[in-house]
């Protein structure tokens, strides 16, 4: 679900920008349209470097962490069950030691999205009292803030400039 929305936003933002830069501006300023199309390759390359490459690196990293993860929540019993490949771990809400929620500046201030699509990506590290650690990304749960708020779970917001998961950021505590 999230991937479809993210990819559609890329297409609309990117191709809309390219259309304006290549078709509308040359007509307004009486430039030759063929000259405008010669610049198209530069704009496409810039778009790929600024938008597509960073987005794909984050998306595939998040996919790597949650590709075979199943998350089950029993709100009545207040239990979370996380299934990763062959491992199953269940714990009660009160057994959660800490939740680190990594958000960029756009999301930490309550906005839905930012200037680029990668600004919508965020993740949480859930640490339990018995030492288990789980990364939950927005590919698994689209809006982690709402998820934790709805379930009454306390989390610490952490400002990150780039929403890439860095294991060294979280020391064993």
C-alpha atoms as a PDB file:
ATOM      1  CA  UNK A   1       0.000   0.000   0.000  1.00  0.00           C
ATOM      2  CA  UNK A   2       2.716   2.490   0.970  1.00  0.00           C
ATOM      3  CA  UNK A   3       4.855   1.593  -2.024  1.00  0.00           C
ATOM      4  CA  UNK A   4       2.078   2.362  -4.479  1.00  0.00           C
ATOM      5  CA  UNK A   5       1.495   5.779  -2.955  1.00  0.00           C
ATOM      6  CA  UNK A   6       5.200   6.553  -2.807  1.00  0.00           C
ATOM      7  CA  UNK A   7       5.758   5.533  -6.418  1.00  0.00           C
ATOM      8  CA  UNK A   8       2.752   7.493  -7.621  1.00  0.00           C
ATOM      9  CA  UNK A   9       4.044  10.572  -5.804  1.00  0.00           C
ATOM     10  CA  UNK A  10       7.423  10.109  -7.495  1.00  0.00           C
ATOM     11  CA  UNK A  11       5.793   9.920 -10.906  1.00  0.00           C
ATOM     12  CA  UNK A  12       3.526  12.918 -10.378  1.00  0.00           C
ATOM     13  CA  UNK A  13       6.171  15.139  -8.791  1.00  0.00           C
ATOM     14  CA  UNK A  14       8.975  14.136 -11.119  1.00  0.00           C
ATOM     15  CA  UNK A  15       7.223  14.134 -14.445  1.00  0.00           C
ATOM     16  CA  UNK A  16       5.170  17.180 -13.548  1.00  0.00           C
ATOM     17  CA  UNK A  17       8.361  19.077 -12.761  1.00  0.00           C
ATOM     18  CA  UNK A  18      10.003  17.881 -15.961  1.00  0.00           C
ATOM     19  CA  UNK A  19       6.948  18.914 -17.978  1.00  0.00           C
ATOM     20  CA  UNK A  20       6.963  22.413 -16.512  1.00  0.00           C
ATOM     21  CA  UNK A  21      10.706  22.852 -16.959  1.00  0.00           C
ATOM     22  CA  UNK A  22      10.803  21.508 -20.499  1.00  0.00           C
ATOM     23  CA  UNK A  23       7.525  22.560 -22.116  1.00  0.00           C
ATOM     24  CA  UNK A  24       5.978  25.471 -20.230  1.00  0.00           C
ATOM     25  CA  UNK A  25       9.067  27.592 -19.427  1.00  0.00           C
ATOM     26  CA  UNK A  26      10.494  27.585 -22.977  1.00  0.00           C
ATOM     27  CA  UNK A  27       7.122  28.736 -24.364  1.00  0.00           C
ATOM     28  CA  UNK A  28       6.826  31.500 -21.775  1.00  0.00           C
ATOM     29  CA  UNK A  29      10.312  32.812 -22.473  1.00  0.00           C
ATOM     30  CA  UNK A  30      10.072  32.281 -26.273  1.00  0.00           C
ATOM     31  CA  UNK A  31      12.845  29.719 -26.421  1.00  0.00           C
ATOM     32  CA  UNK A  32      13.088  26.951 -28.957  1.00  0.00           C
ATOM     33  CA  UNK A  33      11.311  23.811 -27.681  1.00  0.00           C
ATOM     34  CA  UNK A  34      13.994  21.603 -29.256  1.00  0.00           C
ATOM     35  CA  UNK A  35      16.570  23.434 -27.141  1.00  0.00           C
ATOM     36  CA  UNK A  36      14.431  22.689 -24.096  1.00  0.00           C
ATOM     37  CA  UNK A  37      14.329  18.990 -24.927  1.00  0.00           C
ATOM     38  CA  UNK A  38      18.119  18.916 -25.163  1.00  0.00           C
ATOM     39  CA  UNK A  39      18.180  19.862 -21.469  1.00  0.00           C
ATOM     40  CA  UNK A  40      15.724  17.066 -20.645  1.00  0.00           C
ATOM     41  CA  UNK A  41      18.488  14.522 -20.175  1.00  0.00           C
ATOM     42  CA  UNK A  42      20.183  16.745 -17.574  1.00  0.00           C
ATOM     43  CA  UNK A  43      16.937  17.194 -15.638  1.00  0.00           C
ATOM     44  CA  UNK A  44      16.251  13.459 -15.727  1.00  0.00           C
ATOM     45  CA  UNK A  45      19.751  12.704 -14.439  1.00  0.00           C
ATOM     46  CA  UNK A  46      19.369  15.277 -11.669  1.00  0.00           C
ATOM     47  CA  UNK A  47      15.971  13.816 -10.722  1.00  0.00           C
ATOM     48  CA  UNK A  48      17.426  10.306 -10.569  1.00  0.00           C
ATOM     49  CA  UNK A  49      20.324  11.420  -8.359  1.00  0.00           C
ATOM     50  CA  UNK A  50      18.226  13.557  -5.992  1.00  0.00           C
ATOM     51  CA  UNK A  51      15.043  11.478  -5.778  1.00  0.00           C
ATOM     52  CA  UNK A  52      15.181   7.958  -7.194  1.00  0.00           C
ATOM     53  CA  UNK A  53      18.561   6.647  -5.939  1.00  0.00           C
ATOM     54  CA  UNK A  54      18.139   7.726  -2.292  1.00  0.00           C
ATOM     55  CA  UNK A  55      14.555   6.468  -2.257  1.00  0.00           C
ATOM     56  CA  UNK A  56      15.478   3.035  -3.597  1.00  0.00           C
ATOM     57  CA  UNK A  57      18.345   2.604  -1.115  1.00  0.00           C
ATOM     58  CA  UNK A  58      16.048   3.388   1.817  1.00  0.00           C
ATOM     59  CA  UNK A  59      13.206   1.285   0.458  1.00  0.00           C
ATOM     60  CA  UNK A  60      15.368  -1.792  -0.086  1.00  0.00           C
ATOM     61  CA  UNK A  61      16.968  -1.403   3.339  1.00  0.00           C
ATOM     62  CA  UNK A  62      13.528  -1.251   4.976  1.00  0.00           C
ATOM     63  CA  UNK A  63      12.425  -4.208   2.874  1.00  0.00           C
ATOM     64  CA  UNK A  64      15.475  -6.176   4.051  1.00  0.00           C
ATOM     65  CA  UNK A  65      14.541  -5.625   7.699  1.00  0.00           C
ATOM     66  CA  UNK A  66      10.850  -6.442   7.346  1.00  0.00           C
ATOM     67  CA  UNK A  67      10.548  -8.712   4.289  1.00  0.00           C
ATOM     68  CA  UNK A  68       9.649 -11.847   6.241  1.00  0.00           C
ATOM     69  CA  UNK A  69       8.254 -10.151   9.329  1.00  0.00           C
ATOM     70  CA  UNK A  70       4.705 -10.570  10.560  1.00  0.00           C
ATOM     71  CA  UNK A  71       3.344  -8.339  13.293  1.00  0.00           C
ATOM     72  CA  UNK A  72       0.267  -9.369  15.291  1.00  0.00           C
ATOM     73  CA  UNK A  73      -1.264  -7.173  17.982  1.00  0.00           C
ATOM     74  CA  UNK A  74      -3.817  -8.347  20.518  1.00  0.00           C
ATOM     75  CA  UNK A  75      -5.187  -5.078  21.904  1.00  0.00           C
ATOM     76  CA  UNK A  76      -7.350  -6.771  24.524  1.00  0.00           C
ATOM     77  CA  UNK A  77      -4.501  -8.786  26.054  1.00  0.00           C
ATOM     78  CA  UNK A  78      -1.981  -6.016  25.194  1.00  0.00           C
ATOM     79  CA  UNK A  79       0.407  -8.469  23.525  1.00  0.00           C
ATOM     80  CA  UNK A  80       2.626  -8.021  20.471  1.00  0.00           C
ATOM     81  CA  UNK A  81       3.694 -11.078  18.493  1.00  0.00           C
ATOM     82  CA  UNK A  82       6.525 -10.661  16.011  1.00  0.00           C
ATOM     83  CA  UNK A  83       7.290 -13.473  13.592  1.00  0.00           C
ATOM     84  CA  UNK A  84      10.566 -13.235  11.695  1.00  0.00           C
ATOM     85  CA  UNK A  85      11.266 -16.192   9.399  1.00  0.00           C
ATOM     86  CA  UNK A  86      11.249 -19.173  11.808  1.00  0.00           C
ATOM     87  CA  UNK A  87      11.467 -17.149  15.043  1.00  0.00           C
ATOM     88  CA  UNK A  88       8.419 -16.091  17.019  1.00  0.00           C
ATOM     89  CA  UNK A  89       8.644 -13.633  19.892  1.00  0.00           C
ATOM     90  CA  UNK A  90       5.723 -12.427  21.944  1.00  0.00           C
ATOM     91  CA  UNK A  91       5.746  -9.867  24.712  1.00  0.00           C
ATOM     92  CA  UNK A  92       3.288  -7.760  26.624  1.00  0.00           C
ATOM     93  CA  UNK A  93       3.139  -4.012  26.224  1.00  0.00           C
ATOM     94  CA  UNK A  94       4.497  -3.562  29.752  1.00  0.00           C
ATOM     95  CA  UNK A  95       7.587  -5.633  28.841  1.00  0.00           C
ATOM     96  CA  UNK A  96       8.719  -2.997  26.341  1.00  0.00           C
ATOM     97  CA  UNK A  97      11.760  -1.241  27.703  1.00  0.00           C
ATOM     98  CA  UNK A  98      12.026   1.496  25.105  1.00  0.00           C
ATOM     99  CA  UNK A  99      10.745   2.473  21.674  1.00  0.00           C
ATOM    100  CA  UNK A 100      12.969   4.698  19.538  1.00  0.00           C
ATOM    101  CA  UNK A 101      11.016   6.314  16.727  1.00  0.00           C
ATOM    102  CA  UNK A 102      13.295   7.798  14.055  1.00  0.00           C
ATOM    103  CA  UNK A 103      11.619  10.629  12.146  1.00  0.00           C
ATOM    104  CA  UNK A 104      12.969  13.345   9.913  1.00  0.00           C
ATOM    105  CA  UNK A 105      12.173  17.012  10.411  1.00  0.00           C
ATOM    106  CA  UNK A 106       8.975  16.917   8.373  1.00  0.00           C
ATOM    107  CA  UNK A 107       7.357  14.035  10.257  1.00  0.00           C
ATOM    108  CA  UNK A 108       8.615  15.030  13.698  1.00  0.00           C
ATOM    109  CA  UNK A 109       6.792  18.362  13.261  1.00  0.00           C
ATOM    110  CA  UNK A 110       3.541  16.604  12.386  1.00  0.00           C
ATOM    111  CA  UNK A 111       3.524  17.033   8.623  1.00  0.00           C
ATOM    112  CA  UNK A 112       2.366  14.155   6.444  1.00  0.00           C
ATOM    113  CA  UNK A 113       5.179  14.395   3.899  1.00  0.00           C
ATOM    114  CA  UNK A 114       8.100  16.532   2.883  1.00  0.00           C
ATOM    115  CA  UNK A 115       9.842  17.894  -0.169  1.00  0.00           C
ATOM    116  CA  UNK A 116      10.964  14.497  -1.431  1.00  0.00           C
ATOM    117  CA  UNK A 117       9.243  11.128  -1.147  1.00  0.00           C
ATOM    118  CA  UNK A 118      11.975   9.711   1.125  1.00  0.00           C
ATOM    119  CA  UNK A 119      10.804  12.122   3.837  1.00  0.00           C
ATOM    120  CA  UNK A 120       7.773   9.866   4.413  1.00  0.00           C
ATOM    121  CA  UNK A 121       9.965   6.942   5.489  1.00  0.00           C
ATOM    122  CA  UNK A 122      10.424   6.294   9.215  1.00  0.00           C
ATOM    123  CA  UNK A 123      11.160   3.380  11.505  1.00  0.00           C
ATOM    124  CA  UNK A 124      11.052   2.300  15.125  1.00  0.00           C
ATOM    125  CA  UNK A 125      13.372   0.194  17.226  1.00  0.00           C
ATOM    126  CA  UNK A 126      11.502  -1.725  19.917  1.00  0.00           C
ATOM    127  CA  UNK A 127      13.637  -2.936  22.824  1.00  0.00           C
ATOM    128  CA  UNK A 128      12.173  -5.413  25.293  1.00  0.00           C
ATOM    129  CA  UNK A 129      13.247  -5.958  28.896  1.00  0.00           C
ATOM    130  CA  UNK A 130      14.661  -9.388  28.069  1.00  0.00           C
ATOM    131  CA  UNK A 131      17.041  -7.917  25.461  1.00  0.00           C
ATOM    132  CA  UNK A 132      15.209  -8.518  22.191  1.00  0.00           C
ATOM    133  CA  UNK A 133      15.395  -5.746  19.593  1.00  0.00           C
ATOM    134  CA  UNK A 134      13.109  -5.362  16.598  1.00  0.00           C
ATOM    135  CA  UNK A 135      13.079  -2.856  13.769  1.00  0.00           C
ATOM    136  CA  UNK A 136       9.599  -1.990  12.552  1.00  0.00           C
ATOM    137  CA  UNK A 137       9.536   0.147   9.420  1.00  0.00           C
ATOM    138  CA  UNK A 138       6.817   2.122   7.703  1.00  0.00           C
ATOM    139  CA  UNK A 139       6.628  -0.615   5.069  1.00  0.00           C
ATOM    140  CA  UNK A 140       5.138  -2.875   7.729  1.00  0.00           C
ATOM    141  CA  UNK A 141       2.974  -0.233   9.446  1.00  0.00           C
ATOM    142  CA  UNK A 142       2.399   2.839   7.342  1.00  0.00           C
ATOM    143  CA  UNK A 143       2.080   5.368  10.178  1.00  0.00           C
ATOM    144  CA  UNK A 144       4.042   4.288  13.237  1.00  0.00           C
ATOM    145  CA  UNK A 145       3.103   7.384  15.226  1.00  0.00           C
ATOM    146  CA  UNK A 146      -0.619   6.571  14.945  1.00  0.00           C
ATOM    147  CA  UNK A 147       0.062   2.902  15.672  1.00  0.00           C
ATOM    148  CA  UNK A 148       1.883   3.630  18.938  1.00  0.00           C
ATOM    149  CA  UNK A 149      -0.629   6.313  19.962  1.00  0.00           C
ATOM    150  CA  UNK A 150      -3.626   4.052  19.299  1.00  0.00           C
ATOM    151  CA  UNK A 151      -2.106   1.280  21.396  1.00  0.00           C
ATOM    152  CA  UNK A 152      -1.058   3.586  24.244  1.00  0.00           C
ATOM    153  CA  UNK A 153       2.645   2.851  23.816  1.00  0.00           C
ATOM    154  CA  UNK A 154       5.163   5.472  24.898  1.00  0.00           C
ATOM    155  CA  UNK A 155       7.908   6.233  22.394  1.00  0.00           C
ATOM    156  CA  UNK A 156      10.805   8.623  22.142  1.00  0.00           C
ATOM    157  CA  UNK A 157      10.953  10.658  18.969  1.00  0.00           C
ATOM    158  CA  UNK A 158      14.393  10.971  17.499  1.00  0.00           C
ATOM    159  CA  UNK A 159      15.256  13.505  14.818  1.00  0.00           C
ATOM    160  CA  UNK A 160      17.204  12.026  11.916  1.00  0.00           C
ATOM    161  CA  UNK A 161      18.198  13.956   8.825  1.00  0.00           C
ATOM    162  CA  UNK A 162      18.031  10.879   6.636  1.00  0.00           C
ATOM    163  CA  UNK A 163      15.702   7.976   7.572  1.00  0.00           C
ATOM    164  CA  UNK A 164      18.268   5.233   6.889  1.00  0.00           C
ATOM    165  CA  UNK A 165      18.596   2.576   9.596  1.00  0.00           C
ATOM    166  CA  UNK A 166      22.004   2.809  11.275  1.00  0.00           C
ATOM    167  CA  UNK A 167      22.675   0.057  13.758  1.00  0.00           C
ATOM    168  CA  UNK A 168      25.540   1.911  15.444  1.00  0.00           C
ATOM    169  CA  UNK A 169      23.126   4.625  16.562  1.00  0.00           C
ATOM    170  CA  UNK A 170      21.523   2.293  19.107  1.00  0.00           C
ATOM    171  CA  UNK A 171      23.911   0.994  21.741  1.00  0.00           C
ATOM    172  CA  UNK A 172      23.030  -1.909  23.961  1.00  0.00           C
ATOM    173  CA  UNK A 173      21.461  -0.466  27.097  1.00  0.00           C
END
